[in-house]
Amino acid sequence: MKVLVCGDAMTDVYWESTVSRISPEGPVPVAAVQKTDKRGGAAANVANNIEAMGVPVERIFSPSRRIEKVRVFTAGQHLIRVDFDFPQEPIPCDETYEEALSRCELVVFVDYGKGALANIPALIARAKSAGRTVLVDPKGYDYAKYRGATLIKPNRDEMKELVGGWKTQDELDFKARQFLLSSQIDSILLTQGAEGMTLYTREETVHQVAEAKALVDVSGAGEAALAAYAVALAKGLPPLLFASKAAAIACSRFGTTTVTAAEVFSG
């Protein structure tokens, strides 16, 4: 099975520096950059992870200049993040997209609200009419635009936008099921960091505890989880278990990272 990844692609840049003096121009440290590392972020990270886990990928990203997030570190300390936040031209629901759909059984949309998925209602509708499974990493409060998706993967903050907050686990579970009954979305994968993940469908609620690993950096953990979920579906394996495993591995590493098939699906 081949996977099509569409959405907001970024480049995560890491500058490792040394600081030995304060600038004479102002009371700020002078970071002398020693090493630069560039990694795919957002939709690009999801696509890279799916490939690293052994499933072929096609990519459709915005033709606009790619967004860059530059993180400056010194001696392991995060000094500052500098964003080059270029508006993204929407991905059109055109012949190129149609041809990619014909070659891919599963579609993953990664929405960071940067503009690449401004046409996502049409993109999802076309994918569903072609019988494709559709997974979405959502953004914002307008979840009507994801109508028809097979699964959406919010984190806890995004879930609050989705259902309006909750006081107890029972209230959250009830609100999640009510949302699914009214939204024409089949399921929700709620990622909750150290508290694990919960998969809501119209029929059941399944909680997956987080794997016990040393927490280093949560950057890209949700992207690794979504990628593993897609790969597990493609391989006919239980997706929730492997999504949780991939997220734990990503959290044990610095920065956005790719997790391999051997790490997630072996042993």
Protein backbone atom coordinates (compact mmCIF):
# COMPACT_ATOMS: atom_id res chain seq x y z
CA MET A 1 0.00 0.00 0.00
CA LYS A 2 1.28 3.48 -0.91
CA VAL A 3 0.48 6.58 1.16
CA LEU A 4 -0.13 10.12 -0.11
CA VAL A 5 0.93 12.90 2.28
CA CYS A 6 -0.41 16.42 1.71
CA GLY A 7 -0.14 19.55 3.81
CA ASP A 8 2.03 22.19 5.37
CA ALA A 9 5.66 21.12 4.93
CA MET A 10 8.38 22.82 6.94
CA THR A 11 12.10 22.69 7.54
CA ASP A 12 13.29 22.44 11.13
CA VAL A 13 16.77 23.95 11.46
CA TYR A 14 19.00 23.46 14.50
CA TRP A 15 22.00 25.71 15.13
CA GLU A 16 24.39 24.49 17.80
CA SER A 17 26.48 27.38 19.08
CA THR A 18 28.91 28.51 21.73
CA VAL A 19 28.38 31.67 23.77
CA SER A 20 31.39 33.37 25.34
CA ARG A 21 30.46 37.05 25.38
CA ILE A 22 27.68 39.60 25.44
CA SER A 23 27.08 41.76 22.39
CA PRO A 24 28.42 45.33 22.64
CA GLU A 25 25.32 46.38 20.68
CA GLY A 26 22.93 45.32 23.44
CA PRO A 27 22.55 43.04 26.48
CA VAL A 28 22.21 39.84 24.46
CA PRO A 29 24.51 36.81 24.08
CA VAL A 30 26.54 36.39 20.90
CA ALA A 31 25.92 32.86 19.61
CA ALA A 32 28.81 31.60 17.47
CA VAL A 33 27.24 28.86 15.36
CA GLN A 34 29.34 25.68 15.20
CA LYS A 35 26.96 23.23 13.56
CA THR A 36 23.78 23.38 11.47
CA ASP A 37 21.29 20.54 11.09
CA LYS A 38 18.23 20.62 8.80
CA ARG A 39 15.33 18.20 9.15
CA GLY A 40 11.91 17.88 7.55
CA GLY A 41 9.10 19.20 9.72
CA ALA A 42 5.31 18.99 9.82
CA ALA A 43 4.01 17.23 6.68
CA ALA A 44 7.56 16.59 5.50
CA ASN A 45 8.35 14.87 8.80
CA VAL A 46 5.26 12.68 8.58
CA ALA A 47 6.21 11.62 5.05
CA ASN A 48 9.81 10.91 6.04
CA ASN A 49 8.65 8.80 8.98
CA ILE A 50 6.26 6.74 6.87
CA GLU A 51 9.08 5.98 4.43
CA ALA A 52 11.49 5.16 7.26
CA MET A 53 8.91 2.70 8.56
CA GLY A 54 8.87 0.87 5.25
CA VAL A 55 5.88 2.17 3.28
CA PRO A 56 6.28 4.11 0.01
CA VAL A 57 5.07 7.71 -0.02
CA GLU A 58 3.97 10.30 -2.53
CA ARG A 59 4.10 13.93 -1.44
CA ILE A 60 2.03 16.92 -2.49
CA PHE A 61 3.09 20.11 -0.70
CA SER A 62 2.51 23.76 -1.47
CA PRO A 63 4.71 25.18 -4.24
CA SER A 64 5.39 28.19 -2.01
CA ARG A 65 8.72 28.78 -0.34
CA ARG A 66 8.97 26.35 2.53
CA ILE A 67 8.49 27.59 6.09
CA GLU A 68 11.62 27.37 8.26
CA LYS A 69 11.86 27.21 12.04
CA VAL A 70 15.39 27.90 13.26
CA ARG A 71 16.25 26.87 16.82
CA VAL A 72 19.47 28.17 18.37
CA PHE A 73 21.09 26.13 21.15
CA THR A 74 24.18 26.50 23.26
CA ALA A 75 25.46 23.85 25.67
CA GLY A 76 22.13 22.06 25.33
CA GLN A 77 20.13 25.18 26.25
CA HIS A 78 17.51 26.55 23.87
CA LEU A 79 18.30 30.26 23.35
CA ILE A 80 15.71 31.33 20.80
CA ARG A 81 13.55 30.15 17.91
CA VAL A 82 13.42 32.21 14.71
CA ASP A 83 10.53 31.53 12.30
CA PHE A 84 10.48 32.27 8.57
CA ASP A 85 6.72 31.94 8.27
CA PHE A 86 5.94 32.24 4.57
CA PRO A 87 2.24 32.04 3.56
CA GLN A 88 1.56 28.79 1.71
CA GLU A 89 -0.31 28.63 -1.58
CA PRO A 90 -3.18 26.12 -1.35
CA ILE A 91 -2.78 22.62 -2.79
CA PRO A 92 -5.32 22.44 -5.63
CA CYS A 93 -7.78 19.59 -6.10
CA ASP A 94 -6.54 19.11 -9.65
CA GLU A 95 -5.28 16.47 -12.06
CA THR A 96 -1.99 16.05 -10.19
CA TYR A 97 -3.90 15.26 -7.01
CA GLU A 98 -6.26 12.92 -8.86
CA GLU A 99 -3.35 11.00 -10.35
CA ALA A 100 -1.67 10.66 -6.97
CA LEU A 101 -4.93 9.37 -5.48
CA SER A 102 -5.10 6.70 -8.18
CA ARG A 103 -1.73 5.33 -6.99
CA CYS A 104 -2.31 5.60 -3.22
CA GLU A 105 -4.78 3.77 -0.99
CA LEU A 106 -4.35 5.99 2.05
CA VAL A 107 -4.13 9.80 2.36
CA VAL A 108 -2.61 11.72 5.27
CA PHE A 109 -3.32 15.46 5.62
CA VAL A 110 -1.08 17.49 7.93
CA ASP A 111 -2.66 20.86 8.71
CA TYR A 112 -0.63 23.50 10.56
CA GLY A 113 -2.92 26.35 9.48
CA LYS A 114 -0.32 27.84 7.12
CA GLY A 115 -2.49 27.76 3.99
CA ALA A 116 -1.47 24.63 2.11
CA LEU A 117 -4.73 22.90 3.08
CA ALA A 118 -7.13 25.79 2.49
CA ASN A 119 -8.91 23.45 0.03
CA ILE A 120 -9.06 20.49 2.43
CA PRO A 121 -12.88 20.01 2.23
CA ALA A 122 -12.59 19.38 -1.51
CA LEU A 123 -9.44 17.27 -1.11
CA ILE A 124 -11.09 15.04 1.50
CA ALA A 125 -14.32 14.74 -0.49
CA ARG A 126 -12.41 13.63 -3.56
CA ALA A 127 -10.33 11.12 -1.60
CA LYS A 128 -13.41 9.64 0.04
CA SER A 129 -15.26 9.40 -3.27
CA ALA A 130 -12.29 7.38 -4.53
CA GLY A 131 -12.64 5.04 -1.55
CA ARG A 132 -9.47 6.15 0.22
CA THR A 133 -8.77 6.07 3.94
CA VAL A 134 -8.17 9.65 5.16
CA LEU A 135 -6.15 10.58 8.25
CA VAL A 136 -5.88 14.21 9.40
CA ASP A 137 -3.57 16.05 11.79
CA PRO A 138 -5.93 19.00 12.48
CA LYS A 139 -5.47 22.65 13.37
CA GLY A 140 -7.77 25.36 14.69
CA TYR A 141 -11.39 25.21 15.77
CA ASP A 142 -13.23 24.71 12.46
CA TYR A 143 -13.52 20.93 12.41
CA ALA A 144 -16.36 21.02 9.88
CA LYS A 145 -13.70 21.31 7.17
CA TYR A 146 -12.53 17.78 8.04
CA ARG A 147 -15.97 16.28 7.47
CA GLY A 148 -15.72 12.81 5.94
CA ALA A 149 -12.27 11.99 7.35
CA THR A 150 -11.63 8.47 8.59
CA LEU A 151 -9.63 9.79 11.57
CA ILE A 152 -8.48 13.07 13.07
CA LYS A 153 -5.53 13.23 15.49
CA PRO A 154 -5.83 16.17 17.91
CA ASN A 155 -3.62 16.73 20.94
CA ARG A 156 -5.18 17.77 24.27
CA ASP A 157 -5.25 21.49 23.44
CA GLU A 158 -6.82 20.82 20.05
CA MET A 159 -9.34 18.47 21.66
CA LYS A 160 -10.45 21.35 23.90
CA GLU A 161 -11.12 23.38 20.76
CA LEU A 162 -13.05 20.41 19.40
CA VAL A 163 -15.39 19.58 22.30
CA GLY A 164 -15.19 22.67 24.51
CA GLY A 165 -13.23 21.30 27.47
CA TRP A 166 -14.13 18.77 30.16
CA LYS A 167 -13.90 18.19 33.90
CA THR A 168 -13.78 14.39 34.07
CA GLN A 169 -12.70 11.50 31.86
CA ASP A 170 -16.32 10.38 31.54
CA GLU A 171 -17.32 13.83 30.30
CA LEU A 172 -14.51 13.80 27.74
CA ASP A 173 -15.50 10.34 26.53
CA PHE A 174 -19.15 11.40 26.19
CA LYS A 175 -18.29 14.59 24.30
CA ALA A 176 -15.96 12.72 21.94
CA ARG A 177 -18.66 10.21 21.02
CA GLN A 178 -21.25 12.97 20.58
CA PHE A 179 -18.87 14.77 18.23
CA LEU A 180 -18.37 11.62 16.14
CA LEU A 181 -22.12 11.07 15.87
CA SER A 182 -22.66 14.59 14.50
CA SER A 183 -19.52 15.29 12.48
CA GLN A 184 -19.35 12.63 9.76
CA ILE A 185 -15.82 11.85 11.02
CA ASP A 186 -15.30 8.17 11.84
CA SER A 187 -12.77 8.30 14.69
CA ILE A 188 -10.54 10.45 16.91
CA LEU A 189 -7.00 9.62 17.99
CA LEU A 190 -6.35 11.83 21.02
CA THR A 191 -2.65 12.11 21.86
CA GLN A 192 -1.96 12.98 25.50
CA GLY A 193 1.80 12.87 25.97
CA ALA A 194 2.79 10.96 29.09
CA GLU A 195 -0.85 9.94 29.58
CA GLY A 196 -0.84 7.90 26.37
CA MET A 197 -3.40 7.93 23.58
CA THR A 198 -7.11 7.32 23.29
CA LEU A 199 -8.88 6.08 20.18
CA TYR A 200 -12.54 7.02 19.96
CA THR A 201 -14.86 5.39 17.45
CA ARG A 202 -18.64 5.44 17.36
CA GLU A 203 -18.66 1.96 18.90
CA GLU A 204 -15.87 1.99 21.50
CA THR A 205 -13.17 3.88 23.38
CA VAL A 206 -9.71 2.32 23.64
CA HIS A 207 -6.90 3.77 25.75
CA GLN A 208 -3.23 2.99 25.08
CA VAL A 209 -0.81 3.75 27.91
CA ALA A 210 2.39 5.57 27.02
CA GLU A 211 5.58 3.53 26.85
CA ALA A 212 8.05 4.23 29.62
CA LYS A 213 10.97 6.08 28.03
CA ALA A 214 13.10 9.00 29.15
CA LEU A 215 11.55 12.25 27.90
CA VAL A 216 14.02 14.35 25.92
CA ASP A 217 11.94 16.39 23.47
CA VAL A 218 8.28 16.23 22.42
CA SER A 219 8.97 17.89 19.05
CA GLY A 220 7.56 15.77 16.26
CA ALA A 221 6.13 13.06 18.52
CA GLY A 222 2.62 13.56 17.18
CA GLU A 223 3.93 13.40 13.64
CA ALA A 224 5.73 10.13 14.36
CA ALA A 225 2.54 8.75 15.93
CA LEU A 226 0.41 9.68 12.93
CA ALA A 227 2.98 8.18 10.57
CA ALA A 228 3.08 4.91 12.52
CA TYR A 229 -0.72 4.79 12.60
CA ALA A 230 -0.79 5.09 8.81
CA VAL A 231 1.95 2.48 8.37
CA ALA A 232 0.21 0.03 10.71
CA LEU A 233 -3.01 0.40 8.70
CA ALA A 234 -1.05 -0.20 5.51
CA LYS A 235 0.53 -3.35 7.01
CA GLY A 236 -2.72 -4.65 8.52
CA LEU A 237 -1.42 -4.27 12.09
CA PRO A 238 -3.07 -2.73 15.21
CA PRO A 239 -2.45 0.98 14.64
CA LEU A 240 -2.96 2.33 18.17
CA LEU A 241 -0.23 0.17 19.69
CA PHE A 242 2.37 1.13 17.12
CA ALA A 243 1.41 4.82 17.10
CA SER A 244 2.09 4.90 20.83
CA LYS A 245 5.40 3.10 20.41
CA ALA A 246 6.58 5.51 17.69
CA ALA A 247 5.62 8.56 19.79
CA ALA A 248 7.61 7.23 22.75
CA ILE A 249 10.69 6.70 20.60
CA ALA A 250 10.41 10.21 19.11
CA CYS A 251 10.08 11.74 22.60
CA SER A 252 13.30 10.03 23.69
CA ARG A 253 15.30 11.91 21.03
CA PHE A 254 16.26 15.50 20.42
CA GLY A 255 14.32 17.46 17.82
CA THR A 256 12.16 16.20 15.01
CA THR A 257 13.26 12.72 14.10
CA THR A 258 12.51 9.72 11.91
CA VAL A 259 11.68 6.39 13.50
CA THR A 260 12.47 3.23 11.56
CA ALA A 261 10.45 0.10 10.84
CA ALA A 262 12.93 -1.98 12.85
CA GLU A 263 12.43 0.23 15.91
CA VAL A 264 8.64 0.27 15.77
CA PHE A 265 7.55 -3.04 14.26
CA SER A 266 10.27 -5.45 15.36
CA GLY A 267 10.63 -7.04 18.78
